[in-house]
Amino acid sequence: MFTYVGLIKLTPEGRENLPKAPEYLDKLTKIVEHEGGHIERMFAMMGPWDFFAIYTFPEVEVAFRALAKIGQLEVVETETFPVEEVDVFLKAFISASSGRHRRATSGWPSSFNRASSSSPRR
């Protein structure tokens, strides 16, 4: 399963009908579940975003499909990010940088430079 965090905010239309917010969140939840995902946790929050959700999806394509459908709801806006446990990140980082020499032109491990070499910027 792939894990994502989602920032959710009500649109002006959603805020105009604030008493219906539970219905909007229910629609969002049903979309995620219909596409094979799961909302692990959802929080109300203060600040520019109204809600914070932790989603899991079995495949990246499923996440894209669910989030595209959520994007069609005219009462919420979302911003979603893939996340991973810190120990997985650290293991990957250490694995990628161990035994590698740093390039003189860059402070980054050579593995980072190789990974970014396929991008248009050099």
N, C-alpha and C. Protein backbone atom coordinates (compact mmCIF):
# COMPACT_ATOMS: atom_id res chain seq x y z
N MET A 1 0.84 -1.18 0.00
CA MET A 1 0.00 0.00 0.00
C MET A 1 0.88 1.24 0.00
N PHE A 2 0.43 2.25 -0.69
CA PHE A 2 1.11 3.53 -0.75
C PHE A 2 0.36 4.52 0.14
N THR A 3 1.11 5.33 0.88
CA THR A 3 0.50 6.27 1.83
C THR A 3 0.65 7.69 1.32
N TYR A 4 -0.40 8.46 1.51
CA TYR A 4 -0.44 9.86 1.10
C TYR A 4 -1.04 10.69 2.22
N VAL A 5 -0.63 11.95 2.28
CA VAL A 5 -1.31 12.89 3.16
C VAL A 5 -2.03 13.88 2.26
N GLY A 6 -3.23 14.24 2.68
CA GLY A 6 -4.02 15.18 1.90
C GLY A 6 -4.42 16.37 2.73
N LEU A 7 -4.22 17.55 2.18
CA LEU A 7 -4.71 18.78 2.77
C LEU A 7 -6.01 19.11 2.05
N ILE A 8 -7.05 19.37 2.80
CA ILE A 8 -8.38 19.57 2.22
C ILE A 8 -8.93 20.89 2.72
N LYS A 9 -9.49 21.66 1.80
CA LYS A 9 -10.14 22.90 2.22
C LYS A 9 -11.45 23.04 1.48
N LEU A 10 -12.41 23.61 2.16
CA LEU A 10 -13.69 23.88 1.54
C LEU A 10 -13.55 25.05 0.57
N THR A 11 -14.19 24.93 -0.57
CA THR A 11 -14.22 26.04 -1.53
C THR A 11 -15.19 27.10 -1.00
N PRO A 12 -15.25 28.26 -1.63
CA PRO A 12 -16.25 29.25 -1.20
C PRO A 12 -17.67 28.66 -1.20
N GLU A 13 -17.97 27.86 -2.21
CA GLU A 13 -19.29 27.20 -2.24
C GLU A 13 -19.46 26.25 -1.06
N GLY A 14 -18.41 25.51 -0.73
CA GLY A 14 -18.47 24.60 0.41
C GLY A 14 -18.64 25.34 1.73
N ARG A 15 -17.97 26.49 1.86
CA ARG A 15 -18.08 27.28 3.09
C ARG A 15 -19.47 27.91 3.22
N GLU A 16 -20.08 28.27 2.07
CA GLU A 16 -21.43 28.84 2.11
C GLU A 16 -22.44 27.84 2.67
N ASN A 17 -22.15 26.56 2.48
CA ASN A 17 -23.04 25.48 2.94
C ASN A 17 -22.35 24.67 4.03
N LEU A 18 -21.70 25.35 4.97
CA LEU A 18 -20.91 24.70 6.01
C LEU A 18 -21.64 23.57 6.74
N PRO A 19 -22.94 23.69 7.03
CA PRO A 19 -23.60 22.57 7.70
C PRO A 19 -23.56 21.26 6.90
N LYS A 20 -23.27 21.35 5.59
CA LYS A 20 -23.19 20.15 4.76
C LYS A 20 -21.77 19.57 4.71
N ALA A 21 -20.83 20.15 5.45
CA ALA A 21 -19.45 19.67 5.44
C ALA A 21 -19.35 18.17 5.72
N PRO A 22 -20.12 17.62 6.67
CA PRO A 22 -20.04 16.17 6.88
C PRO A 22 -20.43 15.38 5.63
N GLU A 23 -21.37 15.88 4.86
CA GLU A 23 -21.76 15.22 3.60
C GLU A 23 -20.61 15.26 2.60
N TYR A 24 -19.91 16.40 2.52
CA TYR A 24 -18.79 16.52 1.58
C TYR A 24 -17.68 15.54 1.94
N LEU A 25 -17.38 15.46 3.24
CA LEU A 25 -16.33 14.54 3.68
C LEU A 25 -16.75 13.09 3.47
N ASP A 26 -18.05 12.81 3.61
CA ASP A 26 -18.56 11.47 3.35
C ASP A 26 -18.41 11.13 1.87
N LYS A 27 -18.68 12.07 0.98
CA LYS A 27 -18.50 11.84 -0.46
C LYS A 27 -17.03 11.55 -0.77
N LEU A 28 -16.15 12.34 -0.18
CA LEU A 28 -14.72 12.14 -0.37
C LEU A 28 -14.32 10.74 0.09
N THR A 29 -14.79 10.34 1.26
CA THR A 29 -14.47 9.01 1.81
C THR A 29 -15.00 7.91 0.90
N LYS A 30 -16.21 8.06 0.41
CA LYS A 30 -16.80 7.05 -0.48
C LYS A 30 -16.02 6.93 -1.78
N ILE A 31 -15.55 8.04 -2.32
CA ILE A 31 -14.73 7.98 -3.54
C ILE A 31 -13.46 7.19 -3.28
N VAL A 32 -12.77 7.52 -2.18
CA VAL A 32 -11.52 6.83 -1.85
C VAL A 32 -11.78 5.33 -1.70
N GLU A 33 -12.80 4.96 -0.95
CA GLU A 33 -13.10 3.55 -0.72
C GLU A 33 -13.57 2.84 -1.99
N HIS A 34 -14.37 3.52 -2.80
CA HIS A 34 -14.85 2.93 -4.06
C HIS A 34 -13.68 2.60 -4.99
N GLU A 35 -12.64 3.40 -4.93
CA GLU A 35 -11.47 3.19 -5.78
C GLU A 35 -10.47 2.21 -5.16
N GLY A 36 -10.77 1.67 -3.99
CA GLY A 36 -9.89 0.68 -3.38
C GLY A 36 -8.93 1.25 -2.36
N GLY A 37 -9.09 2.51 -2.02
CA GLY A 37 -8.24 3.14 -1.02
C GLY A 37 -8.90 3.13 0.35
N HIS A 38 -8.21 3.73 1.30
CA HIS A 38 -8.73 3.78 2.67
C HIS A 38 -8.23 5.07 3.32
N ILE A 39 -9.11 5.73 4.06
CA ILE A 39 -8.69 6.89 4.84
C ILE A 39 -8.33 6.38 6.23
N GLU A 40 -7.04 6.44 6.54
CA GLU A 40 -6.55 5.96 7.84
C GLU A 40 -7.01 6.87 8.97
N ARG A 41 -6.83 8.19 8.77
CA ARG A 41 -7.22 9.17 9.79
C ARG A 41 -7.60 10.45 9.08
N MET A 42 -8.49 11.22 9.72
CA MET A 42 -8.82 12.55 9.21
C MET A 42 -8.94 13.49 10.40
N PHE A 43 -8.36 14.66 10.24
CA PHE A 43 -8.34 15.65 11.30
C PHE A 43 -8.90 16.97 10.79
N ALA A 44 -9.62 17.69 11.65
CA ALA A 44 -9.94 19.09 11.38
C ALA A 44 -8.72 19.89 11.82
N MET A 45 -8.44 20.97 11.13
CA MET A 45 -7.25 21.74 11.50
C MET A 45 -7.50 23.23 11.35
N MET A 46 -6.69 24.01 12.03
CA MET A 46 -6.74 25.46 11.92
C MET A 46 -5.70 25.90 10.91
N GLY A 47 -5.95 27.02 10.28
CA GLY A 47 -5.02 27.54 9.29
C GLY A 47 -5.68 27.61 7.93
N PRO A 48 -4.88 27.69 6.88
CA PRO A 48 -5.45 27.84 5.54
C PRO A 48 -6.17 26.59 5.03
N TRP A 49 -5.92 25.45 5.63
CA TRP A 49 -6.58 24.21 5.25
C TRP A 49 -7.55 23.82 6.36
N ASP A 50 -8.65 23.17 5.98
CA ASP A 50 -9.68 22.81 6.95
C ASP A 50 -9.52 21.41 7.51
N PHE A 51 -8.98 20.50 6.70
CA PHE A 51 -8.86 19.10 7.11
C PHE A 51 -7.54 18.53 6.63
N PHE A 52 -7.09 17.50 7.33
CA PHE A 52 -5.85 16.79 7.02
C PHE A 52 -6.20 15.31 7.03
N ALA A 53 -5.90 14.60 5.95
CA ALA A 53 -6.24 13.17 5.88
C ALA A 53 -5.00 12.34 5.56
N ILE A 54 -4.97 11.13 6.08
CA ILE A 54 -3.94 10.16 5.74
C ILE A 54 -4.65 9.05 4.97
N TYR A 55 -4.26 8.90 3.70
CA TYR A 55 -4.88 7.90 2.81
C TYR A 55 -3.90 6.78 2.53
N THR A 56 -4.43 5.60 2.22
CA THR A 56 -3.61 4.54 1.64
C THR A 56 -4.31 4.04 0.38
N PHE A 57 -3.50 3.71 -0.60
CA PHE A 57 -3.99 3.17 -1.86
C PHE A 57 -3.10 1.99 -2.27
N PRO A 58 -3.69 0.98 -2.92
CA PRO A 58 -2.89 -0.18 -3.30
C PRO A 58 -1.90 0.09 -4.42
N GLU A 59 -2.20 1.07 -5.27
CA GLU A 59 -1.33 1.41 -6.40
C GLU A 59 -1.39 2.90 -6.66
N VAL A 60 -0.35 3.44 -7.25
CA VAL A 60 -0.29 4.86 -7.56
C VAL A 60 -1.43 5.25 -8.51
N GLU A 61 -1.70 4.39 -9.50
CA GLU A 61 -2.76 4.69 -10.47
C GLU A 61 -4.12 4.82 -9.79
N VAL A 62 -4.36 4.01 -8.77
CA VAL A 62 -5.62 4.07 -8.02
C VAL A 62 -5.71 5.41 -7.29
N ALA A 63 -4.60 5.85 -6.72
CA ALA A 63 -4.59 7.14 -6.03
C ALA A 63 -4.90 8.27 -7.01
N PHE A 64 -4.27 8.23 -8.18
CA PHE A 64 -4.54 9.26 -9.19
C PHE A 64 -6.02 9.28 -9.58
N ARG A 65 -6.58 8.11 -9.79
CA ARG A 65 -7.98 8.03 -10.19
C ARG A 65 -8.90 8.60 -9.11
N ALA A 66 -8.68 8.20 -7.86
CA ALA A 66 -9.50 8.69 -6.75
C ALA A 66 -9.36 10.21 -6.60
N LEU A 67 -8.13 10.70 -6.66
CA LEU A 67 -7.91 12.13 -6.47
C LEU A 67 -8.47 12.95 -7.62
N ALA A 68 -8.48 12.39 -8.82
CA ALA A 68 -9.11 13.09 -9.95
C ALA A 68 -10.61 13.22 -9.72
N LYS A 69 -11.23 12.17 -9.19
CA LYS A 69 -12.66 12.22 -8.90
C LYS A 69 -12.96 13.20 -7.77
N ILE A 70 -12.11 13.21 -6.76
CA ILE A 70 -12.28 14.17 -5.66
C ILE A 70 -12.15 15.60 -6.20
N GLY A 71 -11.23 15.79 -7.13
CA GLY A 71 -11.03 17.11 -7.73
C GLY A 71 -12.26 17.61 -8.47
N GLN A 72 -13.13 16.70 -8.88
CA GLN A 72 -14.35 17.10 -9.57
C GLN A 72 -15.44 17.57 -8.61
N LEU A 73 -15.27 17.30 -7.33
CA LEU A 73 -16.23 17.83 -6.35
C LEU A 73 -16.02 19.34 -6.30
N GLU A 74 -17.04 20.09 -6.41
CA GLU A 74 -16.89 21.54 -6.46
C GLU A 74 -16.90 22.18 -5.08
N VAL A 75 -16.90 21.38 -4.05
CA VAL A 75 -17.00 21.94 -2.69
C VAL A 75 -15.72 21.77 -1.88
N VAL A 76 -14.74 21.06 -2.43
CA VAL A 76 -13.45 20.91 -1.74
C VAL A 76 -12.30 21.08 -2.72
N GLU A 77 -11.19 21.58 -2.20
CA GLU A 77 -9.92 21.62 -2.91
C GLU A 77 -8.96 20.75 -2.12
N THR A 78 -8.08 20.05 -2.81
CA THR A 78 -7.13 19.20 -2.10
C THR A 78 -5.72 19.41 -2.63
N GLU A 79 -4.77 19.10 -1.80
CA GLU A 79 -3.37 19.00 -2.18
C GLU A 79 -2.87 17.74 -1.52
N THR A 80 -2.31 16.84 -2.30
CA THR A 80 -1.95 15.51 -1.80
C THR A 80 -0.48 15.23 -2.06
N PHE A 81 0.16 14.57 -1.09
CA PHE A 81 1.58 14.29 -1.17
C PHE A 81 1.85 12.83 -0.79
N PRO A 82 2.72 12.13 -1.53
CA PRO A 82 3.11 10.79 -1.10
C PRO A 82 4.04 10.91 0.10
N VAL A 83 3.92 9.98 1.03
CA VAL A 83 4.78 9.98 2.22
C VAL A 83 5.27 8.57 2.49
N GLU A 84 6.33 8.49 3.27
CA GLU A 84 6.89 7.21 3.66
C GLU A 84 7.41 7.33 5.08
N GLU A 85 7.45 6.22 5.77
CA GLU A 85 8.00 6.21 7.13
C GLU A 85 9.45 6.69 7.09
N VAL A 86 9.87 7.42 8.11
CA VAL A 86 11.21 7.99 8.15
C VAL A 86 12.28 6.91 8.04
N ASP A 87 12.09 5.77 8.71
CA ASP A 87 13.13 4.74 8.66
C ASP A 87 13.31 4.19 7.24
N VAL A 88 12.27 4.15 6.44
CA VAL A 88 12.38 3.71 5.04
C VAL A 88 13.19 4.75 4.25
N PHE A 89 12.88 6.01 4.47
CA PHE A 89 13.62 7.09 3.81
C PHE A 89 15.09 7.03 4.19
N LEU A 90 15.38 6.93 5.49
CA LEU A 90 16.77 6.91 5.93
C LEU A 90 17.52 5.71 5.37
N LYS A 91 16.88 4.57 5.34
CA LYS A 91 17.52 3.37 4.78
C LYS A 91 17.84 3.60 3.31
N ALA A 92 16.92 4.17 2.55
CA ALA A 92 17.16 4.44 1.13
C ALA A 92 18.27 5.48 0.96
N PHE A 93 18.24 6.51 1.78
CA PHE A 93 19.24 7.57 1.70
C PHE A 93 20.62 7.03 2.01
N ILE A 94 20.73 6.28 3.10
CA ILE A 94 22.03 5.72 3.49
C ILE A 94 22.52 4.74 2.44
N SER A 95 21.63 3.91 1.94
CA SER A 95 21.99 2.94 0.90
C SER A 95 22.50 3.65 -0.35
N ALA A 96 21.84 4.71 -0.74
CA ALA A 96 22.21 5.44 -1.95
C ALA A 96 23.52 6.19 -1.80
N SER A 97 23.82 6.64 -0.59
CA SER A 97 25.01 7.48 -0.42
C SER A 97 26.22 6.72 0.14
N SER A 98 26.05 5.50 0.61
CA SER A 98 27.19 4.79 1.18
C SER A 98 28.14 4.31 0.08
N GLY A 99 29.41 4.50 0.34
CA GLY A 99 30.43 4.05 -0.61
C GLY A 99 30.55 4.93 -1.84
N ARG A 100 29.85 6.00 -1.91
CA ARG A 100 29.90 6.89 -3.07
C ARG A 100 30.82 8.08 -2.75
N HIS A 101 31.55 8.53 -3.74
CA HIS A 101 32.39 9.72 -3.59
C HIS A 101 31.59 10.93 -4.02
N ARG A 102 31.83 12.04 -3.36
CA ARG A 102 31.15 13.28 -3.74
C ARG A 102 31.85 13.90 -4.95
N ARG A 103 31.05 14.44 -5.84
CA ARG A 103 31.61 15.15 -6.99
C ARG A 103 32.13 16.51 -6.53
N ALA A 104 33.19 16.96 -7.16
CA ALA A 104 33.78 18.25 -6.79
C ALA A 104 32.83 19.40 -7.08
N THR A 105 31.95 19.25 -8.05
CA THR A 105 31.06 20.35 -8.44
C THR A 105 29.79 20.38 -7.63
N SER A 106 29.58 19.40 -6.77
CA SER A 106 28.32 19.34 -6.05
C SER A 106 28.54 18.80 -4.64
N GLY A 107 27.75 19.29 -3.70
CA GLY A 107 27.80 18.79 -2.35
C GLY A 107 26.93 17.57 -2.14
N TRP A 108 26.17 17.18 -3.17
CA TRP A 108 25.27 16.05 -3.05
C TRP A 108 25.98 14.75 -3.40
N PRO A 109 25.57 13.64 -2.81
CA PRO A 109 26.14 12.35 -3.19
C PRO A 109 25.93 12.12 -4.69
N SER A 110 26.84 11.41 -5.32
CA SER A 110 26.74 11.19 -6.76
C SER A 110 25.44 10.49 -7.15
N SER A 111 24.87 9.70 -6.25
CA SER A 111 23.61 9.02 -6.57
C SER A 111 22.50 10.02 -6.81
N PHE A 112 22.51 11.17 -6.10
CA PHE A 112 21.50 12.20 -6.32
C PHE A 112 21.70 12.82 -7.69
N ASN A 113 22.95 13.04 -8.07
CA ASN A 113 23.23 13.65 -9.36
C ASN A 113 22.82 12.73 -10.51
N ARG A 114 23.03 11.44 -10.36
CA ARG A 114 22.60 10.49 -11.40
C ARG A 114 21.09 10.46 -11.50
N ALA A 115 20.41 10.46 -10.35
CA ALA A 115 18.95 10.40 -10.36
C ALA A 115 18.36 11.63 -11.01
N SER A 116 19.00 12.78 -10.86
CA SER A 116 18.45 14.00 -11.43
C SER A 116 18.97 14.25 -12.84
N SER A 117 19.92 13.43 -13.34
CA SER A 117 20.48 13.69 -14.65
C SER A 117 19.47 13.48 -15.78
N SER A 118 18.39 12.75 -15.52
CA SER A 118 17.39 12.56 -16.56
C SER A 118 16.46 13.76 -16.68
N SER A 119 16.53 14.67 -15.71
CA SER A 119 15.67 15.84 -15.76
C SER A 119 16.27 16.85 -16.73
N PRO A 120 15.46 17.77 -17.27
CA PRO A 120 15.97 18.73 -18.23
C PRO A 120 17.01 19.68 -17.66
N ARG A 121 16.96 19.94 -16.34
CA ARG A 121 17.91 20.86 -15.73
C ARG A 121 19.20 20.12 -15.43
N ARG A 122 20.33 20.75 -15.70
CA ARG A 122 21.63 20.16 -15.35
C ARG A 122 22.49 21.17 -14.67
